[in-house]
Amino acid sequence: MKSKIEHVWSVLCEKSVIDSETNNLSLTNILEEIQISLKEKGIIDSSEKTVPINFELVTMWRKISKEEVKEPIRIEVVSPDGKIVQSADAQINLTKLLMRMRFRFRFNGIKVTIPGEYCFAVKLKEGNDYKEVGRTYLEVKIALQPNK
């Protein structure tokens, strides 16, 4: 079955703001990379840790059909070694009058296992499975704090 919506783009940012008069979206502090400071090497490699950082994944969707659309979506955060470390489900609801929609996923932290590129895969449900329709990345770097 062909989807009735299309993923247009996804961006990671610290915060997004929608202007109430114009409905324009402002993305603040686009995230491409974060750096984590650790006291000792290997503290992250041993197990999954949640890094407390507030950020958003903002996605834009476009309706292909003229009718009302309700489509399940999923966001999966995939570590550099290919493991899914976080997942969130939601539903895109577009009325007959709306042709496009922005959707914001808010995160209060990211689960980190190793340094490297973390993929935020945007998936749309097709049948019984979810198909990837977009992705963006966040580079996680580890810095060791000097001993005092």
C-alpha atoms as a PDB file:
ATOM      1  CA  MET A   1       0.000   0.000   0.000  1.00  0.00           C
ATOM      2  CA  LYS A   2       1.370   3.397  -0.996  1.00  0.00           C
ATOM      3  CA  SER A   3       1.700   5.958   1.766  1.00  0.00           C
ATOM      4  CA  LYS A   4      -0.500   9.037   1.794  1.00  0.00           C
ATOM      5  CA  ILE A   5       2.222  11.245   3.273  1.00  0.00           C
ATOM      6  CA  GLU A   6       5.835  12.010   2.407  1.00  0.00           C
ATOM      7  CA  HIS A   7       8.747  12.854   4.700  1.00  0.00           C
ATOM      8  CA  VAL A   8      10.320  16.143   3.550  1.00  0.00           C
ATOM      9  CA  TRP A   9      13.104  16.822   6.096  1.00  0.00           C
ATOM     10  CA  SER A  10      14.319  16.249   9.660  1.00  0.00           C
ATOM     11  CA  VAL A  11      16.593  18.438  11.779  1.00  0.00           C
ATOM     12  CA  LEU A  12      18.040  18.078  15.290  1.00  0.00           C
ATOM     13  CA  CYS A  13      18.053  21.289  17.291  1.00  0.00           C
ATOM     14  CA  GLU A  14      18.147  22.509  20.870  1.00  0.00           C
ATOM     15  CA  LYS A  15      14.708  24.113  20.566  1.00  0.00           C
ATOM     16  CA  SER A  16      12.076  25.111  18.025  1.00  0.00           C
ATOM     17  CA  VAL A  17       9.606  27.980  18.244  1.00  0.00           C
ATOM     18  CA  ILE A  18       6.457  28.501  16.174  1.00  0.00           C
ATOM     19  CA  ASP A  19       5.425  32.127  15.662  1.00  0.00           C
ATOM     20  CA  SER A  20       1.733  32.425  16.597  1.00  0.00           C
ATOM     21  CA  GLU A  21       1.022  35.169  14.020  1.00  0.00           C
ATOM     22  CA  THR A  22       2.774  33.764  10.948  1.00  0.00           C
ATOM     23  CA  ASN A  23       3.041  30.062  11.862  1.00  0.00           C
ATOM     24  CA  ASN A  24       6.704  30.249  10.803  1.00  0.00           C
ATOM     25  CA  LEU A  25       9.110  27.883  12.529  1.00  0.00           C
ATOM     26  CA  SER A  26      12.431  28.962  14.023  1.00  0.00           C
ATOM     27  CA  LEU A  27      15.032  26.319  14.842  1.00  0.00           C
ATOM     28  CA  THR A  28      17.490  27.335  17.544  1.00  0.00           C
ATOM     29  CA  ASN A  29      20.980  25.852  17.852  1.00  0.00           C
ATOM     30  CA  ILE A  30      21.005  23.158  15.184  1.00  0.00           C
ATOM     31  CA  LEU A  31      22.767  20.102  16.627  1.00  0.00           C
ATOM     32  CA  GLU A  32      25.418  18.294  14.593  1.00  0.00           C
ATOM     33  CA  GLU A  33      27.745  17.272  17.406  1.00  0.00           C
ATOM     34  CA  ILE A  34      27.907  17.058  21.192  1.00  0.00           C
ATOM     35  CA  GLN A  35      30.923  16.531  23.407  1.00  0.00           C
ATOM     36  CA  ILE A  36      30.739  14.576  26.655  1.00  0.00           C
ATOM     37  CA  SER A  37      33.346  15.053  29.389  1.00  0.00           C
ATOM     38  CA  LEU A  38      34.342  11.952  31.366  1.00  0.00           C
ATOM     39  CA  LYS A  39      36.636  11.466  34.340  1.00  0.00           C
ATOM     40  CA  GLU A  40      38.015   8.133  33.159  1.00  0.00           C
ATOM     41  CA  LYS A  41      38.319   6.298  29.862  1.00  0.00           C
ATOM     42  CA  GLY A  42      36.025   3.326  29.323  1.00  0.00           C
ATOM     43  CA  ILE A  43      33.227   4.568  31.584  1.00  0.00           C
ATOM     44  CA  ILE A  44      30.886   4.769  28.575  1.00  0.00           C
ATOM     45  CA  ASP A  45      32.042   1.613  26.790  1.00  0.00           C
ATOM     46  CA  SER A  46      30.971  -0.642  29.656  1.00  0.00           C
ATOM     47  CA  SER A  47      27.244   0.103  29.388  1.00  0.00           C
ATOM     48  CA  GLU A  48      24.612   2.445  28.058  1.00  0.00           C
ATOM     49  CA  LYS A  49      24.488   5.864  29.743  1.00  0.00           C
ATOM     50  CA  THR A  50      21.875   8.582  29.351  1.00  0.00           C
ATOM     51  CA  VAL A  51      23.422  11.968  28.667  1.00  0.00           C
ATOM     52  CA  PRO A  52      21.107  14.673  30.074  1.00  0.00           C
ATOM     53  CA  ILE A  53      20.588  17.052  27.154  1.00  0.00           C
ATOM     54  CA  ASN A  54      17.325  18.646  26.043  1.00  0.00           C
ATOM     55  CA  PHE A  55      16.846  18.697  22.281  1.00  0.00           C
ATOM     56  CA  GLU A  56      14.253  18.147  19.568  1.00  0.00           C
ATOM     57  CA  LEU A  57      13.984  16.258  16.326  1.00  0.00           C
ATOM     58  CA  VAL A  58      11.788  18.384  14.060  1.00  0.00           C
ATOM     59  CA  THR A  59      10.307  16.717  10.984  1.00  0.00           C
ATOM     60  CA  MET A  60       8.307  18.078   8.047  1.00  0.00           C
ATOM     61  CA  TRP A  61       5.646  15.963   6.325  1.00  0.00           C
ATOM     62  CA  ARG A  62       3.683  16.580   3.120  1.00  0.00           C
ATOM     63  CA  LYS A  63       0.283  15.073   2.344  1.00  0.00           C
ATOM     64  CA  ILE A  64       0.031  13.323  -1.026  1.00  0.00           C
ATOM     65  CA  SER A  65      -3.697  12.496  -0.941  1.00  0.00           C
ATOM     66  CA  LYS A  66      -6.578  14.974  -0.661  1.00  0.00           C
ATOM     67  CA  GLU A  67      -8.314  13.088   2.138  1.00  0.00           C
ATOM     68  CA  GLU A  68      -7.682  13.072   5.888  1.00  0.00           C
ATOM     69  CA  VAL A  69      -4.525  11.145   6.784  1.00  0.00           C
ATOM     70  CA  LYS A  70      -3.527   9.318   9.982  1.00  0.00           C
ATOM     71  CA  GLU A  71      -0.164   7.556   9.673  1.00  0.00           C
ATOM     72  CA  PRO A  72       1.937   5.917  12.421  1.00  0.00           C
ATOM     73  CA  ILE A  73       5.597   6.922  12.515  1.00  0.00           C
ATOM     74  CA  ARG A  74       8.595   5.815  14.549  1.00  0.00           C
ATOM     75  CA  ILE A  75      11.900   7.443  15.467  1.00  0.00           C
ATOM     76  CA  GLU A  76      14.808   5.103  16.208  1.00  0.00           C
ATOM     77  CA  VAL A  77      18.118   6.292  17.598  1.00  0.00           C
ATOM     78  CA  VAL A  78      20.809   3.929  16.359  1.00  0.00           C
ATOM     79  CA  SER A  79      24.298   3.808  17.910  1.00  0.00           C
ATOM     80  CA  PRO A  80      27.479   3.727  15.771  1.00  0.00           C
ATOM     81  CA  ASP A  81      27.634  -0.059  16.228  1.00  0.00           C
ATOM     82  CA  GLY A  82      24.096  -0.495  14.833  1.00  0.00           C
ATOM     83  CA  LYS A  83      22.122  -1.029  18.061  1.00  0.00           C
ATOM     84  CA  ILE A  84      18.789   0.729  18.602  1.00  0.00           C
ATOM     85  CA  VAL A  85      19.285   2.637  21.875  1.00  0.00           C
ATOM     86  CA  GLN A  86      16.038   4.644  21.856  1.00  0.00           C
ATOM     87  CA  SER A  87      12.716   4.456  20.061  1.00  0.00           C
ATOM     88  CA  ALA A  88       9.542   6.574  20.040  1.00  0.00           C
ATOM     89  CA  ASP A  89       6.216   6.094  18.262  1.00  0.00           C
ATOM     90  CA  ALA A  90       3.737   8.780  17.238  1.00  0.00           C
ATOM     91  CA  GLN A  91       1.021   9.442  14.701  1.00  0.00           C
ATOM     92  CA  ILE A  92       0.837  12.082  11.988  1.00  0.00           C
ATOM     93  CA  ASN A  93      -2.719  13.460  11.708  1.00  0.00           C
ATOM     94  CA  LEU A  94      -3.450  15.667   8.713  1.00  0.00           C
ATOM     95  CA  THR A  95      -7.028  16.906   8.232  1.00  0.00           C
ATOM     96  CA  LYS A  96      -8.479  17.512   4.761  1.00  0.00           C
ATOM     97  CA  LEU A  97      -7.517  21.190   5.025  1.00  0.00           C
ATOM     98  CA  LEU A  98      -3.836  20.656   5.911  1.00  0.00           C
ATOM     99  CA  MET A  99      -1.338  19.852   3.162  1.00  0.00           C
ATOM    100  CA  ARG A 100       1.793  19.731   5.313  1.00  0.00           C
ATOM    101  CA  MET A 101       2.763  19.381   8.942  1.00  0.00           C
ATOM    102  CA  ARG A 102       5.761  19.815  11.190  1.00  0.00           C
ATOM    103  CA  PHE A 103       6.179  17.324  13.990  1.00  0.00           C
ATOM    104  CA  ARG A 104       8.450  17.758  17.012  1.00  0.00           C
ATOM    105  CA  PHE A 105       9.907  14.934  19.073  1.00  0.00           C
ATOM    106  CA  ARG A 106      11.307  16.235  22.365  1.00  0.00           C
ATOM    107  CA  PHE A 107      14.160  14.379  24.067  1.00  0.00           C
ATOM    108  CA  ASN A 108      15.349  14.849  27.667  1.00  0.00           C
ATOM    109  CA  GLY A 109      18.512  12.887  27.032  1.00  0.00           C
ATOM    110  CA  ILE A 110      20.265  10.573  24.642  1.00  0.00           C
ATOM    111  CA  LYS A 111      21.408   7.051  25.447  1.00  0.00           C
ATOM    112  CA  VAL A 112      25.074   6.714  24.543  1.00  0.00           C
ATOM    113  CA  THR A 113      27.121   3.516  24.384  1.00  0.00           C
ATOM    114  CA  ILE A 114      30.244   4.549  22.422  1.00  0.00           C
ATOM    115  CA  PRO A 115      31.531   7.695  20.719  1.00  0.00           C
ATOM    116  CA  GLY A 116      30.660   8.151  17.051  1.00  0.00           C
ATOM    117  CA  GLU A 117      27.755   9.003  14.787  1.00  0.00           C
ATOM    118  CA  TYR A 118      24.262   8.328  16.142  1.00  0.00           C
ATOM    119  CA  CYS A 119      21.578   7.977  13.489  1.00  0.00           C
ATOM    120  CA  PHE A 120      18.052   9.292  14.030  1.00  0.00           C
ATOM    121  CA  ALA A 121      16.012   7.150  11.634  1.00  0.00           C
ATOM    122  CA  VAL A 122      12.543   8.417  10.725  1.00  0.00           C
ATOM    123  CA  LYS A 123      10.218   5.547   9.835  1.00  0.00           C
ATOM    124  CA  LEU A 124       6.713   5.358   8.426  1.00  0.00           C
ATOM    125  CA  LYS A 125       4.472   2.339   8.965  1.00  0.00           C
ATOM    126  CA  GLU A 126       3.755   0.333   5.830  1.00  0.00           C
ATOM    127  CA  GLY A 127       1.665  -2.773   6.458  1.00  0.00           C
ATOM    128  CA  ASN A 128       3.050  -4.540   9.537  1.00  0.00           C
ATOM    129  CA  ASP A 129       6.540  -3.008   9.291  1.00  0.00           C
ATOM    130  CA  TYR A 130       8.128   0.413   9.497  1.00  0.00           C
ATOM    131  CA  LYS A 131      10.052   1.673   6.444  1.00  0.00           C
ATOM    132  CA  GLU A 132      12.826   4.262   6.817  1.00  0.00           C
ATOM    133  CA  VAL A 133      11.917   7.478   4.988  1.00  0.00           C
ATOM    134  CA  GLY A 134      14.582   9.828   6.348  1.00  0.00           C
ATOM    135  CA  ARG A 135      17.514  10.164   8.691  1.00  0.00           C
ATOM    136  CA  THR A 136      19.797  12.669  10.329  1.00  0.00           C
ATOM    137  CA  TYR A 137      22.921  12.266  12.466  1.00  0.00           C
ATOM    138  CA  LEU A 138      24.439  13.461  15.724  1.00  0.00           C
ATOM    139  CA  GLU A 139      28.173  13.044  16.314  1.00  0.00           C
ATOM    140  CA  VAL A 140      28.991  12.156  19.934  1.00  0.00           C
ATOM    141  CA  LYS A 141      32.552  12.890  21.031  1.00  0.00           C
ATOM    142  CA  ILE A 142      34.146  11.886  24.335  1.00  0.00           C
ATOM    143  CA  ALA A 143      36.670  14.130  26.085  1.00  0.00           C
ATOM    144  CA  LEU A 144      38.602  13.012  29.136  1.00  0.00           C
ATOM    145  CA  GLN A 145      38.822  15.490  31.993  1.00  0.00           C
ATOM    146  CA  PRO A 146      42.387  16.033  33.183  1.00  0.00           C
ATOM    147  CA  ASN A 147      43.223  14.654  36.649  1.00  0.00           C
ATOM    148  CA  LYS A 148      43.587  17.345  39.287  1.00  0.00           C
END
